[in-house]
Amino acid sequence: KQGVRIPPLAAWAAPVRGPGQGSSKPKAMSDKQIAELQALVLYRDA
């Protein structure tokens, strides 16, 4: 709950999008590419 002050940053220092921001499906990837990447999963938990 502490607040971290972030000043205007250089243009190249793009922030990471937080949870729920934007789609979980990357625009640059096709459904086939996403399926291929997910098929590489060996183990998953929370």
All heavy atoms as atom14 arrays in JSON, in Angstrom:
{
  "sequence": "KQGVRIPPLAAWAAPVRGPGQGSSKPKAMSDKQIAELQALVLYRDA",
  "atom14_mask": [
    [1, 1, 1, 1, 1, 1, 1, 1, 1, 0, 0, 0, 0, 0],
    [1, 1, 1, 1, 1, 1, 1, 1, 1, 0, 0, 0, 0, 0],
    [1, 1, 1, 1, 0, 0, 0, 0, 0, 0, 0, 0, 0, 0],
    [1, 1, 1, 1, 1, 1, 1, 0, 0, 0, 0, 0, 0, 0],
    [1, 1, 1, 1, 1, 1, 1, 1, 1, 1, 1, 0, 0, 0],
    [1, 1, 1, 1, 1, 1, 1, 1, 0, 0, 0, 0, 0, 0],
    [1, 1, 1, 1, 1, 1, 1, 0, 0, 0, 0, 0, 0, 0],
    [1, 1, 1, 1, 1, 1, 1, 0, 0, 0, 0, 0, 0, 0],
    [1, 1, 1, 1, 1, 1, 1, 1, 0, 0, 0, 0, 0, 0],
    [1, 1, 1, 1, 1, 0, 0, 0, 0, 0, 0, 0, 0, 0],
    [1, 1, 1, 1, 1, 0, 0, 0, 0, 0, 0, 0, 0, 0],
    [1, 1, 1, 1, 1, 1, 1, 1, 1, 1, 1, 1, 1, 1],
    [1, 1, 1, 1, 1, 0, 0, 0, 0, 0, 0, 0, 0, 0],
    [1, 1, 1, 1, 1, 0, 0, 0, 0, 0, 0, 0, 0, 0],
    [1, 1, 1, 1, 1, 1, 1, 0, 0, 0, 0, 0, 0, 0],
    [1, 1, 1, 1, 1, 1, 1, 0, 0, 0, 0, 0, 0, 0],
    [1, 1, 1, 1, 1, 1, 1, 1, 1, 1, 1, 0, 0, 0],
    [1, 1, 1, 1, 0, 0, 0, 0, 0, 0, 0, 0, 0, 0],
    [1, 1, 1, 1, 1, 1, 1, 0, 0, 0, 0, 0, 0, 0],
    [1, 1, 1, 1, 0, 0, 0, 0, 0, 0, 0, 0, 0, 0],
    [1, 1, 1, 1, 1, 1, 1, 1, 1, 0, 0, 0, 0, 0],
    [1, 1, 1, 1, 0, 0, 0, 0, 0, 0, 0, 0, 0, 0],
    [1, 1, 1, 1, 1, 1, 0, 0, 0, 0, 0, 0, 0, 0],
    [1, 1, 1, 1, 1, 1, 0, 0, 0, 0, 0, 0, 0, 0],
    [1, 1, 1, 1, 1, 1, 1, 1, 1, 0, 0, 0, 0, 0],
    [1, 1, 1, 1, 1, 1, 1, 0, 0, 0, 0, 0, 0, 0],
    [1, 1, 1, 1, 1, 1, 1, 1, 1, 0, 0, 0, 0, 0],
    [1, 1, 1, 1, 1, 0, 0, 0, 0, 0, 0, 0, 0, 0],
    [1, 1, 1, 1, 1, 1, 1, 1, 0, 0, 0, 0, 0, 0],
    [1, 1, 1, 1, 1, 1, 0, 0, 0, 0, 0, 0, 0, 0],
    [1, 1, 1, 1, 1, 1, 1, 1, 0, 0, 0, 0, 0, 0],
    [1, 1, 1, 1, 1, 1, 1, 1, 1, 0, 0, 0, 0, 0],
    [1, 1, 1, 1, 1, 1, 1, 1, 1, 0, 0, 0, 0, 0],
    [1, 1, 1, 1, 1, 1, 1, 1, 0, 0, 0, 0, 0, 0],
    [1, 1, 1, 1, 1, 0, 0, 0, 0, 0, 0, 0, 0, 0],
    [1, 1, 1, 1, 1, 1, 1, 1, 1, 0, 0, 0, 0, 0],
    [1, 1, 1, 1, 1, 1, 1, 1, 0, 0, 0, 0, 0, 0],
    [1, 1, 1, 1, 1, 1, 1, 1, 1, 0, 0, 0, 0, 0],
    [1, 1, 1, 1, 1, 0, 0, 0, 0, 0, 0, 0, 0, 0],
    [1, 1, 1, 1, 1, 1, 1, 1, 0, 0, 0, 0, 0, 0],
    [1, 1, 1, 1, 1, 1, 1, 0, 0, 0, 0, 0, 0, 0],
    [1, 1, 1, 1, 1, 1, 1, 1, 0, 0, 0, 0, 0, 0],
    [1, 1, 1, 1, 1, 1, 1, 1, 1, 1, 1, 1, 0, 0],
    [1, 1, 1, 1, 1, 1, 1, 1, 1, 1, 1, 0, 0, 0],
    [1, 1, 1, 1, 1, 1, 1, 1, 0, 0, 0, 0, 0, 0],
    [1, 1, 1, 1, 1, 0, 0, 0, 0, 0, 0, 0, 0, 0]
  ],
  "atom14_positions": [
    [[0.8, -1.23, 0.0], [0.0, 0.0, 0.0], [0.83, 1.28, 0.0], [0.27, 2.37, 0.06], [-1.0, 0.01, 1.15], [-1.98, -1.16, 1.1], [-3.03, -1.06, 2.19], [-4.0, -2.25, 2.1], [-5.04, -2.19, 3.13], [0.0, 0.0, 0.0], [0.0, 0.0, 0.0], [0.0, 0.0, 0.0], [0.0, 0.0, 0.0], [0.0, 0.0, 0.0]],
    [[2.17, 1.15, -0.05], [2.98, 2.36, -0.23], [2.8, 2.87, -1.66], [2.51, 2.11, -2.58], [4.46, 2.07, 0.03], [4.83, 1.96, 1.49], [6.32, 1.84, 1.69], [7.0, 1.1, 0.97], [6.87, 2.56, 2.67], [0.0, 0.0, 0.0], [0.0, 0.0, 0.0], [0.0, 0.0, 0.0], [0.0, 0.0, 0.0], [0.0, 0.0, 0.0]],
    [[2.97, 4.18, -1.83], [2.86, 4.77, -3.15], [4.22, 5.1, -3.73], [5.04, 5.74, -3.06], [0.0, 0.0, 0.0], [0.0, 0.0, 0.0], [0.0, 0.0, 0.0], [0.0, 0.0, 0.0], [0.0, 0.0, 0.0], [0.0, 0.0, 0.0], [0.0, 0.0, 0.0], [0.0, 0.0, 0.0], [0.0, 0.0, 0.0], [0.0, 0.0, 0.0]],
    [[4.5, 4.63, -4.93], [5.76, 4.91, -5.62], [5.49, 5.98, -6.68], [4.68, 5.76, -7.59], [6.36, 3.65, -6.26], [7.68, 3.98, -6.94], [6.56, 2.55, -5.21], [0.0, 0.0, 0.0], [0.0, 0.0, 0.0], [0.0, 0.0, 0.0], [0.0, 0.0, 0.0], [0.0, 0.0, 0.0], [0.0, 0.0, 0.0], [0.0, 0.0, 0.0]],
    [[6.15, 7.1, -6.53], [5.98, 8.2, -7.48], [6.8, 7.93, -8.74], [8.01, 7.71, -8.67], [6.44, 9.53, -6.86], [6.3, 10.75, -7.76], [6.94, 11.97, -7.1], [6.68, 13.19, -7.85], [7.4, 13.63, -8.88], [8.44, 12.9, -9.3], [7.11, 14.76, -9.49], [0.0, 0.0, 0.0], [0.0, 0.0, 0.0], [0.0, 0.0, 0.0]],
    [[6.13, 7.93, -9.89], [6.77, 7.68, -11.17], [6.71, 8.96, -12.0], [5.61, 9.41, -12.38], [6.08, 6.55, -11.95], [5.87, 5.31, -11.06], [6.87, 6.2, -13.21], [7.13, 4.66, -10.59], [0.0, 0.0, 0.0], [0.0, 0.0, 0.0], [0.0, 0.0, 0.0], [0.0, 0.0, 0.0], [0.0, 0.0, 0.0], [0.0, 0.0, 0.0]],
    [[7.83, 9.58, -12.3], [7.83, 10.81, -13.11], [7.63, 10.48, -14.58], [7.65, 9.31, -14.97], [9.23, 11.37, -12.86], [10.07, 10.15, -12.71], [9.21, 9.16, -11.97], [0.0, 0.0, 0.0], [0.0, 0.0, 0.0], [0.0, 0.0, 0.0], [0.0, 0.0, 0.0], [0.0, 0.0, 0.0], [0.0, 0.0, 0.0], [0.0, 0.0, 0.0]],
    [[7.42, 11.47, -15.43], [7.41, 11.22, -16.87], [8.74, 10.58, -17.28], [9.81, 11.11, -16.98], [7.25, 12.61, -17.47], [6.61, 13.42, -16.4], [7.18, 12.89, -15.11], [0.0, 0.0, 0.0], [0.0, 0.0, 0.0], [0.0, 0.0, 0.0], [0.0, 0.0, 0.0], [0.0, 0.0, 0.0], [0.0, 0.0, 0.0], [0.0, 0.0, 0.0]],
    [[8.67, 9.44, -17.93], [9.87, 8.69, -18.3], [10.23, 8.9, -19.76], [9.42, 9.39, -20.55], [9.66, 7.2, -18.03], [9.35, 6.8, -16.59], [9.04, 5.31, -16.53], [10.5, 7.13, -15.66], [0.0, 0.0, 0.0], [0.0, 0.0, 0.0], [0.0, 0.0, 0.0], [0.0, 0.0, 0.0], [0.0, 0.0, 0.0], [0.0, 0.0, 0.0]],
    [[11.44, 8.54, -20.09], [11.88, 8.59, -21.49], [10.95, 7.74, -22.34], [10.37, 6.76, -21.88], [13.32, 8.09, -21.61], [0.0, 0.0, 0.0], [0.0, 0.0, 0.0], [0.0, 0.0, 0.0], [0.0, 0.0, 0.0], [0.0, 0.0, 0.0], [0.0, 0.0, 0.0], [0.0, 0.0, 0.0], [0.0, 0.0, 0.0], [0.0, 0.0, 0.0]],
    [[10.81, 8.08, -23.6], [9.86, 7.41, -24.48], [10.14, 5.91, -24.6], [9.22, 5.12, -24.8], [9.89, 8.06, -25.86], [0.0, 0.0, 0.0], [0.0, 0.0, 0.0], [0.0, 0.0, 0.0], [0.0, 0.0, 0.0], [0.0, 0.0, 0.0], [0.0, 0.0, 0.0], [0.0, 0.0, 0.0], [0.0, 0.0, 0.0], [0.0, 0.0, 0.0]],
    [[11.4, 5.51, -24.47], [11.74, 4.09, -24.63], [11.42, 3.26, -23.4], [11.49, 2.03, -23.44], [13.23, 3.95, -24.96], [14.16, 4.74, -24.09], [14.68, 5.98, -24.35], [14.67, 4.37, -22.8], [15.48, 6.39, -23.31], [15.49, 5.43, -22.35], [14.51, 3.25, -21.99], [16.14, 5.4, -21.12], [15.16, 3.22, -20.77], [15.97, 4.29, -20.35]],
    [[11.07, 3.89, -22.29], [10.83, 3.18, -21.03], [9.34, 2.88, -20.87], [8.68, 3.37, -19.97], [11.34, 4.0, -19.85], [0.0, 0.0, 0.0], [0.0, 0.0, 0.0], [0.0, 0.0, 0.0], [0.0, 0.0, 0.0], [0.0, 0.0, 0.0], [0.0, 0.0, 0.0], [0.0, 0.0, 0.0], [0.0, 0.0, 0.0], [0.0, 0.0, 0.0]],
    [[8.81, 2.08, -21.75], [7.38, 1.78, -21.72], [7.04, 0.91, -20.52], [7.77, -0.04, -20.21], [6.97, 1.08, -23.01], [0.0, 0.0, 0.0], [0.0, 0.0, 0.0], [0.0, 0.0, 0.0], [0.0, 0.0, 0.0], [0.0, 0.0, 0.0], [0.0, 0.0, 0.0], [0.0, 0.0, 0.0], [0.0, 0.0, 0.0], [0.0, 0.0, 0.0]],
    [[5.93, 1.2, -19.85], [5.55, 0.39, -18.68], [4.94, -0.94, -19.09], [4.46, -1.11, -20.21], [4.5, 1.26, -17.98], [3.87, 2.03, -19.08], [4.99, 2.31, -20.06], [0.0, 0.0, 0.0], [0.0, 0.0, 0.0], [0.0, 0.0, 0.0], [0.0, 0.0, 0.0], [0.0, 0.0, 0.0], [0.0, 0.0, 0.0], [0.0, 0.0, 0.0]],
    [[4.97, -1.87, -18.15], [4.29, -3.15, -18.34], [2.81, -2.95, -18.08], [2.43, -2.31, -17.11], [4.85, -4.22, -17.37], [4.01, -5.49, -17.43], [6.29, -4.52, -17.71], [0.0, 0.0, 0.0], [0.0, 0.0, 0.0], [0.0, 0.0, 0.0], [0.0, 0.0, 0.0], [0.0, 0.0, 0.0], [0.0, 0.0, 0.0], [0.0, 0.0, 0.0]],
    [[1.95, -3.5, -18.93], [0.52, -3.38, -18.7], [0.12, -4.21, -17.5], [0.55, -5.35, -17.35], [-0.25, -3.84, -19.93], [-0.05, -2.94, -21.12], [-1.04, -3.25, -22.22], [-0.9, -4.64, -22.66], [-1.72, -5.2, -23.54], [-2.71, -4.52, -24.07], [-1.56, -6.47, -23.9], [0.0, 0.0, 0.0], [0.0, 0.0, 0.0], [0.0, 0.0, 0.0]],
    [[-0.72, -3.66, -16.67], [-1.15, -4.34, -15.46], [-2.21, -5.38, -15.73], [-2.69, -5.53, -16.85], [0.0, 0.0, 0.0], [0.0, 0.0, 0.0], [0.0, 0.0, 0.0], [0.0, 0.0, 0.0], [0.0, 0.0, 0.0], [0.0, 0.0, 0.0], [0.0, 0.0, 0.0], [0.0, 0.0, 0.0], [0.0, 0.0, 0.0], [0.0, 0.0, 0.0]],
    [[-2.63, -6.13, -14.68], [-3.64, -7.16, -14.84], [-4.93, -6.58, -15.39], [-5.38, -5.52, -14.97], [-3.83, -7.69, -13.41], [-2.58, -7.32, -12.7], [-2.12, -6.03, -13.32], [0.0, 0.0, 0.0], [0.0, 0.0, 0.0], [0.0, 0.0, 0.0], [0.0, 0.0, 0.0], [0.0, 0.0, 0.0], [0.0, 0.0, 0.0], [0.0, 0.0, 0.0]],
    [[-5.5, -7.27, -16.33], [-6.79, -6.85, -16.85], [-6.72, -5.76, -17.88], [-7.74, -5.34, -18.42], [0.0, 0.0, 0.0], [0.0, 0.0, 0.0], [0.0, 0.0, 0.0], [0.0, 0.0, 0.0], [0.0, 0.0, 0.0], [0.0, 0.0, 0.0], [0.0, 0.0, 0.0], [0.0, 0.0, 0.0], [0.0, 0.0, 0.0], [0.0, 0.0, 0.0]],
    [[-5.55, -5.23, -18.18], [-5.41, -4.16, -19.15], [-5.17, -4.75, -20.52], [-4.14, -5.34, -20.77], [-4.27, -3.22, -18.77], [-4.49, -2.52, -17.44], [-3.33, -1.61, -17.11], [-2.49, -1.32, -17.94], [-3.29, -1.15, -15.88], [0.0, 0.0, 0.0], [0.0, 0.0, 0.0], [0.0, 0.0, 0.0], [0.0, 0.0, 0.0], [0.0, 0.0, 0.0]],
    [[-6.13, -4.59, -21.39], [-5.97, -5.11, -22.74], [-6.34, -6.58, -22.81], [-6.71, -7.22, -21.83], [0.0, 0.0, 0.0], [0.0, 0.0, 0.0], [0.0, 0.0, 0.0], [0.0, 0.0, 0.0], [0.0, 0.0, 0.0], [0.0, 0.0, 0.0], [0.0, 0.0, 0.0], [0.0, 0.0, 0.0], [0.0, 0.0, 0.0], [0.0, 0.0, 0.0]],
    [[-6.28, -7.13, -23.99], [-6.67, -8.52, -24.22], [-5.56, -9.46, -23.81], [-4.39, -9.13, -23.86], [-6.98, -8.7, -25.72], [-7.1, -10.06, -26.04], [0.0, 0.0, 0.0], [0.0, 0.0, 0.0], [0.0, 0.0, 0.0], [0.0, 0.0, 0.0], [0.0, 0.0, 0.0], [0.0, 0.0, 0.0], [0.0, 0.0, 0.0], [0.0, 0.0, 0.0]],
    [[-5.95, -10.66, -23.38], [-4.96, -11.68, -23.04], [-4.43, -12.36, -24.3], [-3.57, -13.21, -24.23], [-5.57, -12.73, -22.11], [-6.65, -13.37, -22.76], [0.0, 0.0, 0.0], [0.0, 0.0, 0.0], [0.0, 0.0, 0.0], [0.0, 0.0, 0.0], [0.0, 0.0, 0.0], [0.0, 0.0, 0.0], [0.0, 0.0, 0.0], [0.0, 0.0, 0.0]],
    [[-4.97, -12.01, -25.45], [-4.52, -12.58, -26.71], [-3.67, -11.58, -27.47], [-4.15, -10.53, -27.89], [-5.74, -12.97, -27.56], [-5.39, -13.46, -28.95], [-6.66, -13.79, -29.71], [-6.37, -14.15, -31.15], [-7.6, -14.45, -31.91], [0.0, 0.0, 0.0], [0.0, 0.0, 0.0], [0.0, 0.0, 0.0], [0.0, 0.0, 0.0], [0.0, 0.0, 0.0]],
    [[-2.34, -11.81, -27.6], [-1.48, -10.84, -28.27], [-1.92, -10.62, -29.71], [-2.19, -11.57, -30.44], [-0.09, -11.5, -28.2], [-0.21, -12.56, -27.15], [-1.62, -12.99, -27.16], [0.0, 0.0, 0.0], [0.0, 0.0, 0.0], [0.0, 0.0, 0.0], [0.0, 0.0, 0.0], [0.0, 0.0, 0.0], [0.0, 0.0, 0.0], [0.0, 0.0, 0.0]],
    [[-1.97, -9.38, -30.15], [-2.41, -9.06, -31.49], [-1.46, -9.64, -32.54], [-1.88, -9.98, -33.63], [-2.51, -7.54, -31.66], [-3.6, -6.91, -30.8], [-3.66, -5.4, -31.04], [-4.74, -4.76, -30.2], [-4.8, -3.29, -30.4], [0.0, 0.0, 0.0], [0.0, 0.0, 0.0], [0.0, 0.0, 0.0], [0.0, 0.0, 0.0], [0.0, 0.0, 0.0]],
    [[-0.18, -9.74, -32.21], [0.81, -10.17, -33.21], [0.81, -11.68, -33.41], [1.49, -12.17, -34.29], [2.19, -9.69, -32.8], [0.0, 0.0, 0.0], [0.0, 0.0, 0.0], [0.0, 0.0, 0.0], [0.0, 0.0, 0.0], [0.0, 0.0, 0.0], [0.0, 0.0, 0.0], [0.0, 0.0, 0.0], [0.0, 0.0, 0.0], [0.0, 0.0, 0.0]],
    [[0.05, -12.42, -32.61], [0.06, -13.87, -32.69], [-1.27, -14.39, -33.2], [-2.34, -13.93, -32.79], [0.37, -14.48, -31.32], [1.74, -14.14, -30.79], [2.07, -14.95, -29.2], [2.17, -16.68, -29.68], [0.0, 0.0, 0.0], [0.0, 0.0, 0.0], [0.0, 0.0, 0.0], [0.0, 0.0, 0.0], [0.0, 0.0, 0.0], [0.0, 0.0, 0.0]],
    [[-1.21, -15.37, -34.08], [-2.43, -16.01, -34.58], [-2.91, -17.04, -33.57], [-2.18, -17.44, -32.65], [-2.14, -16.68, -35.92], [-1.26, -17.77, -35.74], [0.0, 0.0, 0.0], [0.0, 0.0, 0.0], [0.0, 0.0, 0.0], [0.0, 0.0, 0.0], [0.0, 0.0, 0.0], [0.0, 0.0, 0.0], [0.0, 0.0, 0.0], [0.0, 0.0, 0.0]],
    [[-4.15, -17.51, -33.75], [-4.67, -18.55, -32.87], [-3.81, -19.8, -32.95], [-3.59, -20.48, -31.94], [-6.11, -18.89, -33.27], [-7.09, -17.77, -32.92], [-6.74, -16.94, -32.06], [-8.18, -17.74, -33.51], [0.0, 0.0, 0.0], [0.0, 0.0, 0.0], [0.0, 0.0, 0.0], [0.0, 0.0, 0.0], [0.0, 0.0, 0.0], [0.0, 0.0, 0.0]],
    [[-3.29, -20.1, -34.14], [-2.44, -21.27, -34.31], [-1.14, -21.11, -33.52], [-0.68, -22.05, -32.85], [-2.12, -21.49, -35.79], [-1.22, -22.69, -36.06], [-0.91, -22.84, -37.54], [0.03, -24.02, -37.78], [0.37, -24.18, -39.22], [0.0, 0.0, 0.0], [0.0, 0.0, 0.0], [0.0, 0.0, 0.0], [0.0, 0.0, 0.0], [0.0, 0.0, 0.0]],
    [[-0.53, -19.92, -33.58], [0.71, -19.67, -32.85], [0.49, -19.76, -31.34], [1.34, -20.29, -30.61], [1.28, -18.3, -33.24], [1.82, -18.24, -34.65], [2.18, -16.83, -35.06], [1.48, -15.86, -34.72], [3.27, -16.69, -35.79], [0.0, 0.0, 0.0], [0.0, 0.0, 0.0], [0.0, 0.0, 0.0], [0.0, 0.0, 0.0], [0.0, 0.0, 0.0]],
    [[-0.63, -19.23, -30.89], [-0.94, -19.29, -29.46], [-1.11, -20.74, -29.02], [-0.59, -21.16, -27.98], [-2.2, -18.47, -29.14], [-1.93, -16.98, -29.35], [-2.67, -18.71, -27.71], [-3.15, -16.11, -29.24], [0.0, 0.0, 0.0], [0.0, 0.0, 0.0], [0.0, 0.0, 0.0], [0.0, 0.0, 0.0], [0.0, 0.0, 0.0], [0.0, 0.0, 0.0]],
    [[-1.82, -21.52, -29.82], [-2.03, -22.94, -29.5], [-0.7, -23.69, -29.46], [-0.48, -24.55, -28.6], [-2.98, -23.57, -30.51], [0.0, 0.0, 0.0], [0.0, 0.0, 0.0], [0.0, 0.0, 0.0], [0.0, 0.0, 0.0], [0.0, 0.0, 0.0], [0.0, 0.0, 0.0], [0.0, 0.0, 0.0], [0.0, 0.0, 0.0], [0.0, 0.0, 0.0]],
    [[0.2, -23.37, -30.4], [1.5, -24.03, -30.44], [2.33, -23.69, -29.2], [3.01, -24.56, -28.65], [2.25, -23.62, -31.71], [1.66, -24.22, -32.99], [2.33, -23.68, -34.24], [3.07, -22.66, -34.13], [2.12, -24.26, -35.33], [0.0, 0.0, 0.0], [0.0, 0.0, 0.0], [0.0, 0.0, 0.0], [0.0, 0.0, 0.0], [0.0, 0.0, 0.0]],
    [[2.25, -22.44, -28.76], [2.99, -22.04, -27.57], [2.41, -22.71, -26.33], [3.16, -23.22, -25.48], [2.97, -20.52, -27.42], [3.85, -19.94, -26.31], [5.32, -20.26, -26.56], [3.66, -18.42, -26.2], [0.0, 0.0, 0.0], [0.0, 0.0, 0.0], [0.0, 0.0, 0.0], [0.0, 0.0, 0.0], [0.0, 0.0, 0.0], [0.0, 0.0, 0.0]],
    [[1.1, -22.75, -26.22], [0.47, -23.37, -25.06], [0.73, -24.87, -25.03], [0.76, -25.47, -23.96], [-1.02, -23.07, -25.06], [-1.34, -21.6, -24.81], [-2.82, -21.29, -24.81], [-3.65, -22.13, -25.19], [-3.18, -20.08, -24.39], [0.0, 0.0, 0.0], [0.0, 0.0, 0.0], [0.0, 0.0, 0.0], [0.0, 0.0, 0.0], [0.0, 0.0, 0.0]],
    [[0.93, -25.47, -26.21], [1.21, -26.91, -26.27], [2.59, -27.25, -25.68], [2.88, -28.42, -25.41], [1.12, -27.4, -27.71], [0.0, 0.0, 0.0], [0.0, 0.0, 0.0], [0.0, 0.0, 0.0], [0.0, 0.0, 0.0], [0.0, 0.0, 0.0], [0.0, 0.0, 0.0], [0.0, 0.0, 0.0], [0.0, 0.0, 0.0], [0.0, 0.0, 0.0]],
    [[3.43, -26.23, -25.49], [4.76, -26.46, -24.92], [4.74, -26.6, -23.4], [5.75, -26.95, -22.79], [5.69, -25.29, -25.29], [5.94, -25.05, -26.78], [6.8, -23.8, -26.97], [6.61, -26.26, -27.43], [0.0, 0.0, 0.0], [0.0, 0.0, 0.0], [0.0, 0.0, 0.0], [0.0, 0.0, 0.0], [0.0, 0.0, 0.0], [0.0, 0.0, 0.0]],
    [[3.59, -26.33, -22.77], [3.5, -26.35, -21.32], [3.68, -27.76, -20.78], [3.0, -28.7, -21.21], [2.16, -25.76, -20.84], [2.0, -25.94, -19.32], [2.07, -24.28, -21.2], [0.0, 0.0, 0.0], [0.0, 0.0, 0.0], [0.0, 0.0, 0.0], [0.0, 0.0, 0.0], [0.0, 0.0, 0.0], [0.0, 0.0, 0.0], [0.0, 0.0, 0.0]],
    [[4.62, -27.9, -19.84], [4.89, -29.18, -19.19], [4.24, -29.28, -17.82], [3.91, -30.37, -17.34], [6.4, -29.37, -19.02], [7.26, -29.38, -20.29], [8.74, -29.23, -19.93], [7.02, -30.66, -21.09], [0.0, 0.0, 0.0], [0.0, 0.0, 0.0], [0.0, 0.0, 0.0], [0.0, 0.0, 0.0], [0.0, 0.0, 0.0], [0.0, 0.0, 0.0]],
    [[4.06, -28.12, -17.17], [3.54, -28.08, -15.8], [2.89, -26.72, -15.59], [3.39, -25.7, -16.08], [4.68, -28.28, -14.79], [4.28, -28.06, -13.35], [3.74, -29.1, -12.6], [4.44, -26.81, -12.76], [3.36, -28.89, -11.27], [4.07, -26.6, -11.43], [3.52, -27.64, -10.69], [3.15, -27.43, -9.39], [0.0, 0.0, 0.0], [0.0, 0.0, 0.0]],
    [[1.77, -26.72, -14.86], [1.11, -25.44, -14.55], [0.33, -25.57, -13.26], [-0.39, -26.54, -13.05], [0.18, -25.04, -15.7], [-0.71, -23.84, -15.4], [-1.28, -23.23, -16.68], [-2.17, -24.11, -17.4], [-3.52, -24.02, -17.35], [-4.09, -23.1, -16.6], [-4.26, -24.85, -18.07], [0.0, 0.0, 0.0], [0.0, 0.0, 0.0], [0.0, 0.0, 0.0]],
    [[0.51, -24.58, -12.38], [-0.37, -24.43, -11.22], [-0.66, -22.95, -11.05], [-0.43, -22.16, -11.97], [0.24, -25.07, -9.96], [1.54, -24.41, -9.49], [1.76, -23.21, -9.78], [2.35, -25.09, -8.81], [0.0, 0.0, 0.0], [0.0, 0.0, 0.0], [0.0, 0.0, 0.0], [0.0, 0.0, 0.0], [0.0, 0.0, 0.0], [0.0, 0.0, 0.0]],
    [[-1.18, -22.53, -9.93], [-1.6, -21.15, -9.76], [-0.44, -20.17, -9.74], [-0.63, -18.96, -9.96], [-2.42, -21.01, -8.47], [0.0, 0.0, 0.0], [0.0, 0.0, 0.0], [0.0, 0.0, 0.0], [0.0, 0.0, 0.0], [0.0, 0.0, 0.0], [0.0, 0.0, 0.0], [0.0, 0.0, 0.0], [0.0, 0.0, 0.0], [0.0, 0.0, 0.0]]
  ]
}
